[in-house]
Amino acid sequence: LVSCILILLIFASCAAPRYRYYKDYPKYIVASWYGPGFHGKLTASGEPYNMYANTCAHKEYPFGTKLKVTNIANNKTTYCTVTDRGPFIPGRDLTLSYASAKEIELIGPGTGKVRIEHLGRDMRYIKYIKYSPLGGSGPFTIQVGSYKDLSNATRMKASLEFKYSKVYITE
């Protein structure tokens, strides 16, 4: 019994976490903000963007990640939750909602260096996936890519055919 428990502990300690932990805080990054042009539009998390809520966009942090964001220039702080993806402009790492940017006086300059600290996660954003029993009914198709150039799609198809059967391109 003791040896079984020991083996289980060893395996459990070697297991990788389900999502990346962000313990390298505080971190210094460049933030920007977005406002009226996006208000009411759906975010990547599926909820409508509210420029008056304390939210932000980041490329990697899981939805629901809570951040403390401090403007380095004036030491003003805001607290926000990751609900969207972005920014997709080189040199920027975080996009704040209008409300969050206003709290730290980032509206005028547009961008600025900030310090972020990870405060945990809002569990409402975790999505649980229901798995159906094996051998479900009907055919299934998996989209591997979306290409503007047919030659790129053809090259991908050729590389997939080494391992998979029934690889096809649709237009």
N, C-alpha and C. Protein backbone atom coordinates (compact mmCIF):
# COMPACT_ATOMS: atom_id res chain seq x y z
N LEU A 1 0.83 -1.19 0.00
CA LEU A 1 0.00 0.00 0.00
C LEU A 1 0.87 1.26 0.00
N VAL A 2 1.92 1.26 0.81
CA VAL A 2 2.81 2.42 0.88
C VAL A 2 3.50 2.63 -0.45
N SER A 3 3.92 1.54 -1.10
CA SER A 3 4.60 1.68 -2.38
C SER A 3 3.66 2.23 -3.46
N CYS A 4 2.38 1.83 -3.42
CA CYS A 4 1.41 2.36 -4.38
C CYS A 4 1.21 3.86 -4.18
N ILE A 5 1.11 4.29 -2.93
CA ILE A 5 0.94 5.71 -2.64
C ILE A 5 2.17 6.49 -3.09
N LEU A 6 3.35 5.94 -2.85
CA LEU A 6 4.59 6.59 -3.25
C LEU A 6 4.65 6.75 -4.77
N ILE A 7 4.27 5.70 -5.49
CA ILE A 7 4.27 5.77 -6.95
C ILE A 7 3.28 6.82 -7.45
N LEU A 8 2.09 6.86 -6.84
CA LEU A 8 1.10 7.87 -7.23
C LEU A 8 1.60 9.28 -6.97
N LEU A 9 2.28 9.49 -5.86
CA LEU A 9 2.83 10.81 -5.55
C LEU A 9 3.89 11.22 -6.56
N ILE A 10 4.71 10.27 -6.96
CA ILE A 10 5.76 10.56 -7.94
C ILE A 10 5.13 10.96 -9.27
N PHE A 11 4.12 10.18 -9.72
CA PHE A 11 3.45 10.51 -10.98
C PHE A 11 2.74 11.86 -10.90
N ALA A 12 2.10 12.13 -9.78
CA ALA A 12 1.38 13.40 -9.63
C ALA A 12 2.33 14.58 -9.65
N SER A 13 3.51 14.42 -9.07
CA SER A 13 4.47 15.53 -9.04
C SER A 13 5.08 15.78 -10.41
N CYS A 14 5.05 14.80 -11.29
CA CYS A 14 5.62 14.96 -12.64
C CYS A 14 4.59 15.47 -13.65
N ALA A 15 3.34 15.49 -13.28
CA ALA A 15 2.29 15.91 -14.21
C ALA A 15 2.39 17.40 -14.51
N ALA A 16 2.14 17.74 -15.74
CA ALA A 16 2.16 19.16 -16.15
C ALA A 16 0.84 19.81 -15.75
N PRO A 17 0.88 21.08 -15.39
CA PRO A 17 -0.37 21.77 -15.07
C PRO A 17 -1.25 21.90 -16.30
N ARG A 18 -2.57 22.00 -16.12
CA ARG A 18 -3.50 22.12 -17.24
C ARG A 18 -3.36 23.45 -17.94
N TYR A 19 -2.98 24.48 -17.24
CA TYR A 19 -2.73 25.77 -17.88
C TYR A 19 -1.50 26.39 -17.24
N ARG A 20 -0.94 27.32 -17.96
CA ARG A 20 0.31 27.95 -17.53
C ARG A 20 0.07 28.85 -16.32
N TYR A 21 0.93 28.73 -15.33
CA TYR A 21 0.84 29.60 -14.17
C TYR A 21 1.74 30.81 -14.41
N TYR A 22 1.29 31.97 -13.98
CA TYR A 22 2.03 33.20 -14.20
C TYR A 22 2.55 33.70 -12.86
N LYS A 23 3.73 33.24 -12.50
CA LYS A 23 4.30 33.62 -11.20
C LYS A 23 5.46 34.59 -11.35
N ASP A 24 5.72 35.04 -12.56
CA ASP A 24 6.84 35.94 -12.79
C ASP A 24 6.42 37.40 -12.62
N TYR A 25 5.73 37.69 -11.54
CA TYR A 25 5.22 39.04 -11.30
C TYR A 25 5.99 39.73 -10.22
N PRO A 26 6.01 41.03 -10.18
CA PRO A 26 5.39 41.93 -11.15
C PRO A 26 6.15 41.93 -12.48
N LYS A 27 5.43 42.26 -13.53
CA LYS A 27 5.99 42.29 -14.87
C LYS A 27 5.76 43.67 -15.46
N TYR A 28 6.74 44.19 -16.18
CA TYR A 28 6.65 45.52 -16.78
C TYR A 28 6.42 45.38 -18.27
N ILE A 29 5.32 45.97 -18.75
CA ILE A 29 4.92 45.84 -20.15
C ILE A 29 4.35 47.16 -20.66
N VAL A 30 4.03 47.22 -21.96
CA VAL A 30 3.42 48.40 -22.56
C VAL A 30 1.92 48.13 -22.73
N ALA A 31 1.11 49.07 -22.25
CA ALA A 31 -0.35 48.94 -22.35
C ALA A 31 -0.91 50.05 -23.23
N SER A 32 -2.05 49.75 -23.84
CA SER A 32 -2.81 50.73 -24.60
C SER A 32 -4.27 50.59 -24.15
N TRP A 33 -5.18 51.25 -24.85
CA TRP A 33 -6.59 51.12 -24.47
C TRP A 33 -7.48 51.14 -25.70
N TYR A 34 -8.69 50.61 -25.54
CA TYR A 34 -9.68 50.67 -26.61
C TYR A 34 -11.03 51.08 -26.05
N GLY A 35 -11.82 51.78 -26.86
CA GLY A 35 -13.04 52.37 -26.33
C GLY A 35 -14.24 52.32 -27.24
N PRO A 36 -14.76 53.51 -27.63
CA PRO A 36 -16.06 53.60 -28.31
C PRO A 36 -16.22 52.75 -29.57
N GLY A 37 -15.18 52.61 -30.35
CA GLY A 37 -15.29 51.84 -31.59
C GLY A 37 -15.57 50.36 -31.37
N PHE A 38 -15.31 49.86 -30.19
CA PHE A 38 -15.50 48.44 -29.89
C PHE A 38 -16.66 48.20 -28.92
N HIS A 39 -17.21 49.26 -28.34
CA HIS A 39 -18.25 49.13 -27.32
C HIS A 39 -19.45 48.34 -27.87
N GLY A 40 -19.84 47.29 -27.15
CA GLY A 40 -20.98 46.46 -27.54
C GLY A 40 -20.64 45.30 -28.44
N LYS A 41 -19.44 45.31 -29.04
CA LYS A 41 -19.05 44.20 -29.91
C LYS A 41 -18.60 43.01 -29.06
N LEU A 42 -18.73 41.80 -29.60
CA LEU A 42 -18.36 40.61 -28.85
C LEU A 42 -16.85 40.51 -28.69
N THR A 43 -16.42 40.14 -27.50
CA THR A 43 -15.00 39.90 -27.23
C THR A 43 -14.70 38.44 -27.53
N ALA A 44 -13.44 38.08 -27.47
CA ALA A 44 -13.03 36.69 -27.71
C ALA A 44 -13.60 35.73 -26.67
N SER A 45 -13.93 36.24 -25.49
CA SER A 45 -14.51 35.37 -24.45
C SER A 45 -16.00 35.14 -24.68
N GLY A 46 -16.59 35.87 -25.63
CA GLY A 46 -18.00 35.68 -25.95
C GLY A 46 -18.93 36.70 -25.34
N GLU A 47 -18.43 37.54 -24.46
CA GLU A 47 -19.29 38.56 -23.86
C GLU A 47 -19.10 39.89 -24.58
N PRO A 48 -20.12 40.74 -24.58
CA PRO A 48 -19.99 42.04 -25.24
C PRO A 48 -18.97 42.93 -24.52
N TYR A 49 -18.18 43.67 -25.30
CA TYR A 49 -17.21 44.59 -24.70
C TYR A 49 -17.96 45.77 -24.11
N ASN A 50 -17.64 46.08 -22.86
CA ASN A 50 -18.22 47.23 -22.17
C ASN A 50 -17.07 48.15 -21.82
N MET A 51 -16.98 49.27 -22.51
CA MET A 51 -15.86 50.18 -22.28
C MET A 51 -15.87 50.79 -20.88
N TYR A 52 -17.00 50.68 -20.17
CA TYR A 52 -17.11 51.25 -18.83
C TYR A 52 -16.85 50.21 -17.73
N ALA A 53 -16.53 48.98 -18.11
CA ALA A 53 -16.18 47.92 -17.15
C ALA A 53 -14.66 47.82 -17.07
N ASN A 54 -14.16 47.34 -15.97
CA ASN A 54 -12.71 47.18 -15.79
C ASN A 54 -12.27 45.84 -16.36
N THR A 55 -12.00 45.86 -17.66
CA THR A 55 -11.57 44.65 -18.36
C THR A 55 -10.32 44.97 -19.18
N CYS A 56 -9.73 43.93 -19.74
CA CYS A 56 -8.55 44.12 -20.58
C CYS A 56 -8.43 42.96 -21.57
N ALA A 57 -7.52 43.13 -22.51
CA ALA A 57 -7.24 42.11 -23.51
C ALA A 57 -5.77 41.74 -23.43
N HIS A 58 -5.49 40.45 -23.52
CA HIS A 58 -4.12 39.95 -23.54
C HIS A 58 -4.07 38.75 -24.47
N LYS A 59 -2.90 38.51 -25.09
CA LYS A 59 -2.77 37.42 -26.05
C LYS A 59 -2.73 36.04 -25.41
N GLU A 60 -2.23 35.93 -24.18
CA GLU A 60 -2.00 34.61 -23.59
C GLU A 60 -2.77 34.31 -22.31
N TYR A 61 -2.96 35.28 -21.46
CA TYR A 61 -3.58 34.99 -20.16
C TYR A 61 -4.97 34.40 -20.35
N PRO A 62 -5.32 33.39 -19.57
CA PRO A 62 -6.66 32.80 -19.69
C PRO A 62 -7.74 33.82 -19.36
N PHE A 63 -8.89 33.68 -20.00
CA PHE A 63 -10.02 34.55 -19.68
C PHE A 63 -10.33 34.44 -18.20
N GLY A 64 -10.65 35.56 -17.59
CA GLY A 64 -10.95 35.58 -16.17
C GLY A 64 -9.74 35.88 -15.30
N THR A 65 -8.54 35.97 -15.89
CA THR A 65 -7.35 36.32 -15.12
C THR A 65 -7.51 37.73 -14.57
N LYS A 66 -7.31 37.88 -13.27
CA LYS A 66 -7.44 39.19 -12.63
C LYS A 66 -6.06 39.81 -12.51
N LEU A 67 -5.94 41.06 -12.93
CA LEU A 67 -4.66 41.76 -12.92
C LEU A 67 -4.76 43.07 -12.16
N LYS A 68 -3.69 43.39 -11.46
CA LYS A 68 -3.50 44.72 -10.88
C LYS A 68 -2.56 45.43 -11.83
N VAL A 69 -3.00 46.56 -12.39
CA VAL A 69 -2.22 47.28 -13.39
C VAL A 69 -1.88 48.66 -12.83
N THR A 70 -0.57 48.97 -12.79
CA THR A 70 -0.11 50.25 -12.25
C THR A 70 0.64 51.01 -13.33
N ASN A 71 0.23 52.25 -13.57
CA ASN A 71 0.90 53.13 -14.52
C ASN A 71 2.22 53.56 -13.88
N ILE A 72 3.34 53.26 -14.53
CA ILE A 72 4.66 53.58 -13.99
C ILE A 72 4.86 55.10 -13.90
N ALA A 73 4.28 55.85 -14.82
CA ALA A 73 4.49 57.31 -14.86
C ALA A 73 3.89 58.04 -13.66
N ASN A 74 2.76 57.55 -13.14
CA ASN A 74 2.09 58.28 -12.05
C ASN A 74 1.72 57.43 -10.84
N ASN A 75 2.04 56.15 -10.90
CA ASN A 75 1.80 55.21 -9.80
C ASN A 75 0.30 54.99 -9.51
N LYS A 76 -0.58 55.30 -10.47
CA LYS A 76 -2.01 55.05 -10.30
C LYS A 76 -2.31 53.60 -10.67
N THR A 77 -3.27 53.00 -9.95
CA THR A 77 -3.55 51.58 -10.10
C THR A 77 -5.01 51.33 -10.47
N THR A 78 -5.22 50.28 -11.27
CA THR A 78 -6.56 49.78 -11.58
C THR A 78 -6.54 48.26 -11.49
N TYR A 79 -7.71 47.69 -11.31
CA TYR A 79 -7.86 46.24 -11.26
C TYR A 79 -8.78 45.83 -12.40
N CYS A 80 -8.33 44.86 -13.20
CA CYS A 80 -9.15 44.47 -14.35
C CYS A 80 -9.09 42.96 -14.58
N THR A 81 -10.01 42.49 -15.40
CA THR A 81 -10.14 41.07 -15.71
C THR A 81 -9.95 40.87 -17.21
N VAL A 82 -9.17 39.85 -17.60
CA VAL A 82 -8.94 39.54 -19.02
C VAL A 82 -10.22 38.92 -19.60
N THR A 83 -10.79 39.61 -20.60
CA THR A 83 -12.01 39.11 -21.27
C THR A 83 -11.86 39.07 -22.79
N ASP A 84 -10.69 39.46 -23.29
CA ASP A 84 -10.52 39.56 -24.74
C ASP A 84 -9.09 39.21 -25.13
N ARG A 85 -8.86 39.04 -26.43
CA ARG A 85 -7.52 38.77 -26.96
C ARG A 85 -6.98 40.03 -27.62
N GLY A 86 -5.67 40.18 -27.57
CA GLY A 86 -5.02 41.35 -28.14
C GLY A 86 -4.00 41.87 -27.16
N PRO A 87 -3.34 42.95 -27.43
CA PRO A 87 -3.39 43.74 -28.66
C PRO A 87 -2.58 43.06 -29.76
N PHE A 88 -2.89 43.39 -30.98
CA PHE A 88 -2.20 42.80 -32.12
C PHE A 88 -1.36 43.85 -32.84
N ILE A 89 -0.84 44.78 -32.08
CA ILE A 89 0.06 45.81 -32.59
C ILE A 89 1.43 45.56 -31.98
N PRO A 90 2.48 45.43 -32.80
CA PRO A 90 3.81 45.16 -32.26
C PRO A 90 4.22 46.18 -31.19
N GLY A 91 4.83 45.69 -30.13
CA GLY A 91 5.32 46.56 -29.06
C GLY A 91 4.31 46.80 -27.96
N ARG A 92 3.09 46.29 -28.12
CA ARG A 92 2.07 46.44 -27.07
C ARG A 92 1.72 45.07 -26.52
N ASP A 93 1.49 45.02 -25.21
CA ASP A 93 1.26 43.74 -24.55
C ASP A 93 -0.10 43.60 -23.89
N LEU A 94 -0.75 44.71 -23.61
CA LEU A 94 -2.02 44.69 -22.89
C LEU A 94 -2.89 45.83 -23.42
N THR A 95 -4.18 45.55 -23.63
CA THR A 95 -5.12 46.59 -24.02
C THR A 95 -6.16 46.73 -22.92
N LEU A 96 -6.25 47.91 -22.35
CA LEU A 96 -7.19 48.17 -21.26
C LEU A 96 -8.51 48.73 -21.80
N SER A 97 -9.58 48.47 -21.08
CA SER A 97 -10.85 49.11 -21.41
C SER A 97 -10.72 50.61 -21.11
N TYR A 98 -11.65 51.38 -21.64
CA TYR A 98 -11.65 52.82 -21.40
C TYR A 98 -11.66 53.12 -19.90
N ALA A 99 -12.51 52.40 -19.14
CA ALA A 99 -12.62 52.65 -17.69
C ALA A 99 -11.30 52.40 -16.97
N SER A 100 -10.64 51.30 -17.30
CA SER A 100 -9.36 50.98 -16.65
C SER A 100 -8.28 51.98 -17.04
N ALA A 101 -8.24 52.34 -18.33
CA ALA A 101 -7.24 53.31 -18.80
C ALA A 101 -7.47 54.68 -18.16
N LYS A 102 -8.72 55.06 -17.98
CA LYS A 102 -9.04 56.35 -17.36
C LYS A 102 -8.57 56.39 -15.91
N GLU A 103 -8.75 55.27 -15.18
CA GLU A 103 -8.33 55.22 -13.78
C GLU A 103 -6.84 55.46 -13.59
N ILE A 104 -6.04 55.01 -14.57
CA ILE A 104 -4.58 55.18 -14.43
C ILE A 104 -4.05 56.29 -15.33
N GLU A 105 -4.97 57.11 -15.87
CA GLU A 105 -4.63 58.27 -16.70
C GLU A 105 -3.80 57.90 -17.93
N LEU A 106 -4.27 56.89 -18.65
CA LEU A 106 -3.60 56.44 -19.86
C LEU A 106 -4.34 56.92 -21.12
N ILE A 107 -5.49 57.56 -20.95
CA ILE A 107 -6.30 57.99 -22.10
C ILE A 107 -5.54 59.00 -22.96
N GLY A 108 -5.00 60.05 -22.36
CA GLY A 108 -4.28 61.10 -23.11
C GLY A 108 -3.10 60.57 -23.89
N PRO A 109 -2.15 59.91 -23.21
CA PRO A 109 -0.98 59.41 -23.94
C PRO A 109 -1.30 58.27 -24.90
N GLY A 110 -2.34 57.49 -24.62
CA GLY A 110 -2.70 56.38 -25.50
C GLY A 110 -2.00 55.08 -25.16
N THR A 111 -0.71 55.17 -24.87
CA THR A 111 0.05 54.00 -24.44
C THR A 111 0.95 54.40 -23.29
N GLY A 112 1.43 53.42 -22.57
CA GLY A 112 2.35 53.70 -21.48
C GLY A 112 2.87 52.43 -20.85
N LYS A 113 3.98 52.58 -20.16
CA LYS A 113 4.57 51.44 -19.48
C LYS A 113 3.81 51.21 -18.17
N VAL A 114 3.44 49.95 -17.93
CA VAL A 114 2.70 49.59 -16.73
C VAL A 114 3.35 48.39 -16.05
N ARG A 115 3.02 48.25 -14.78
CA ARG A 115 3.43 47.06 -14.02
C ARG A 115 2.16 46.24 -13.79
N ILE A 116 2.23 44.94 -14.11
CA ILE A 116 1.07 44.09 -13.85
C ILE A 116 1.41 43.04 -12.82
N GLU A 117 0.42 42.74 -12.01
CA GLU A 117 0.55 41.69 -11.00
C GLU A 117 -0.66 40.78 -11.11
N HIS A 118 -0.40 39.49 -11.09
CA HIS A 118 -1.44 38.47 -11.20
C HIS A 118 -2.13 38.32 -9.86
N LEU A 119 -3.47 38.42 -9.85
CA LEU A 119 -4.22 38.35 -8.60
C LEU A 119 -5.10 37.11 -8.49
N GLY A 120 -5.05 36.24 -9.47
CA GLY A 120 -5.89 35.05 -9.44
C GLY A 120 -6.76 34.98 -10.67
N ARG A 121 -7.87 34.23 -10.54
CA ARG A 121 -8.73 34.02 -11.70
C ARG A 121 -10.19 33.97 -11.29
N ASP A 122 -11.02 34.60 -12.09
CA ASP A 122 -12.47 34.56 -11.91
C ASP A 122 -12.95 33.26 -12.56
N MET A 123 -13.43 32.34 -11.75
CA MET A 123 -13.76 31.00 -12.23
C MET A 123 -15.00 30.98 -13.15
N ARG A 124 -15.73 32.07 -13.26
CA ARG A 124 -16.89 32.11 -14.17
C ARG A 124 -16.46 31.96 -15.62
N TYR A 125 -15.20 32.24 -15.92
CA TYR A 125 -14.74 32.20 -17.30
C TYR A 125 -14.22 30.83 -17.72
N ILE A 126 -14.14 29.89 -16.80
CA ILE A 126 -13.67 28.56 -17.16
C ILE A 126 -14.77 27.84 -17.92
N LYS A 127 -14.44 27.30 -19.07
CA LYS A 127 -15.41 26.60 -19.90
C LYS A 127 -15.20 25.10 -19.74
N TYR A 128 -16.24 24.41 -19.35
CA TYR A 128 -16.18 22.96 -19.22
C TYR A 128 -16.72 22.34 -20.51
N ILE A 129 -16.01 21.34 -21.00
CA ILE A 129 -16.37 20.71 -22.26
C ILE A 129 -17.04 19.38 -21.97
N LYS A 130 -18.21 19.18 -22.55
CA LYS A 130 -18.91 17.91 -22.40
C LYS A 130 -18.43 17.00 -23.53
N TYR A 131 -17.98 15.82 -23.17
CA TYR A 131 -17.52 14.87 -24.16
C TYR A 131 -18.64 13.88 -24.46
N SER A 132 -18.83 13.59 -25.74
CA SER A 132 -19.83 12.60 -26.12
C SER A 132 -19.18 11.23 -26.10
N PRO A 133 -19.98 10.18 -25.99
CA PRO A 133 -19.42 8.83 -26.00
C PRO A 133 -18.68 8.57 -27.31
N LEU A 134 -17.71 7.67 -27.25
CA LEU A 134 -16.96 7.32 -28.46
C LEU A 134 -17.90 6.75 -29.51
N GLY A 135 -17.57 6.97 -30.75
CA GLY A 135 -18.37 6.42 -31.83
C GLY A 135 -19.68 7.16 -32.03
N GLY A 136 -19.63 8.47 -31.92
CA GLY A 136 -20.84 9.27 -32.12
C GLY A 136 -21.39 9.07 -33.52
N SER A 137 -22.59 9.54 -33.78
CA SER A 137 -23.21 9.31 -35.08
C SER A 137 -22.72 10.34 -36.10
N GLY A 138 -22.62 9.90 -37.33
CA GLY A 138 -22.31 10.79 -38.44
C GLY A 138 -20.84 11.02 -38.67
N PRO A 139 -20.50 11.55 -39.87
CA PRO A 139 -19.09 11.86 -40.18
C PRO A 139 -18.65 13.15 -39.50
N PHE A 140 -17.37 13.24 -39.23
CA PHE A 140 -16.81 14.43 -38.61
C PHE A 140 -15.67 14.96 -39.46
N THR A 141 -15.54 16.26 -39.51
CA THR A 141 -14.47 16.91 -40.26
C THR A 141 -13.75 17.87 -39.33
N ILE A 142 -12.43 17.92 -39.45
CA ILE A 142 -11.63 18.85 -38.66
C ILE A 142 -10.95 19.82 -39.61
N GLN A 143 -11.15 21.11 -39.39
CA GLN A 143 -10.47 22.13 -40.20
C GLN A 143 -9.09 22.36 -39.62
N VAL A 144 -8.07 22.17 -40.43
CA VAL A 144 -6.69 22.34 -39.99
C VAL A 144 -6.18 23.74 -40.25
N GLY A 145 -6.69 24.39 -41.27
CA GLY A 145 -6.19 25.73 -41.58
C GLY A 145 -7.14 26.48 -42.49
N SER A 146 -6.83 27.75 -42.68
CA SER A 146 -7.58 28.61 -43.59
C SER A 146 -6.55 29.44 -44.34
N TYR A 147 -6.53 29.33 -45.66
CA TYR A 147 -5.47 29.93 -46.45
C TYR A 147 -6.01 30.85 -47.53
N LYS A 148 -5.30 31.93 -47.81
CA LYS A 148 -5.63 32.81 -48.93
C LYS A 148 -5.02 32.27 -50.22
N ASP A 149 -3.86 31.62 -50.08
CA ASP A 149 -3.10 31.13 -51.22
C ASP A 149 -3.28 29.62 -51.34
N LEU A 150 -3.81 29.15 -52.46
CA LEU A 150 -4.06 27.73 -52.68
C LEU A 150 -2.79 26.89 -52.59
N SER A 151 -1.65 27.44 -53.00
CA SER A 151 -0.40 26.67 -52.95
C SER A 151 -0.01 26.35 -51.50
N ASN A 152 -0.28 27.26 -50.57
CA ASN A 152 0.00 26.98 -49.16
C ASN A 152 -0.91 25.87 -48.64
N ALA A 153 -2.17 25.90 -49.03
CA ALA A 153 -3.11 24.85 -48.63
C ALA A 153 -2.70 23.50 -49.20
N THR A 154 -2.23 23.50 -50.44
CA THR A 154 -1.80 22.26 -51.09
C THR A 154 -0.58 21.68 -50.39
N ARG A 155 0.36 22.52 -49.98
CA ARG A 155 1.54 22.03 -49.25
C ARG A 155 1.13 21.43 -47.90
N MET A 156 0.20 22.08 -47.21
CA MET A 156 -0.27 21.55 -45.93
C MET A 156 -0.96 20.20 -46.14
N LYS A 157 -1.77 20.10 -47.18
CA LYS A 157 -2.46 18.85 -47.49
C LYS A 157 -1.45 17.74 -47.73
N ALA A 158 -0.41 18.03 -48.50
CA ALA A 158 0.61 17.02 -48.80
C ALA A 158 1.32 16.55 -47.53
N SER A 159 1.61 17.47 -46.62
CA SER A 159 2.29 17.06 -45.38
C SER A 159 1.36 16.25 -44.48
N LEU A 160 0.08 16.55 -44.47
CA LEU A 160 -0.87 15.80 -43.64
C LEU A 160 -1.13 14.40 -44.19
N GLU A 161 -1.03 14.24 -45.52
CA GLU A 161 -1.31 12.94 -46.13
C GLU A 161 -0.28 11.88 -45.75
N PHE A 162 0.87 12.27 -45.24
CA PHE A 162 1.85 11.29 -44.78
C PHE A 162 1.31 10.53 -43.57
N LYS A 163 0.49 11.17 -42.76
CA LYS A 163 0.02 10.55 -41.52
C LYS A 163 -1.47 10.24 -41.53
N TYR A 164 -2.26 11.00 -42.30
CA TYR A 164 -3.71 10.85 -42.25
C TYR A 164 -4.29 10.51 -43.61
N SER A 165 -5.42 9.81 -43.60
CA SER A 165 -6.12 9.50 -44.85
C SER A 165 -7.28 10.47 -45.01
N LYS A 166 -7.83 10.52 -46.20
CA LYS A 166 -8.98 11.37 -46.51
C LYS A 166 -8.73 12.84 -46.19
N VAL A 167 -7.58 13.35 -46.61
CA VAL A 167 -7.27 14.77 -46.45
C VAL A 167 -7.75 15.48 -47.70
N TYR A 168 -8.51 16.56 -47.53
CA TYR A 168 -9.04 17.26 -48.70
C TYR A 168 -9.09 18.76 -48.46
N ILE A 169 -9.19 19.49 -49.57
CA ILE A 169 -9.28 20.95 -49.54
C ILE A 169 -10.65 21.35 -50.07
N THR A 170 -11.31 22.27 -49.38
CA THR A 170 -12.56 22.82 -49.89
C THR A 170 -12.39 24.32 -50.08
N GLU A 171 -13.11 24.87 -51.03
CA GLU A 171 -13.03 26.31 -51.30
C GLU A 171 -14.38 26.96 -51.08
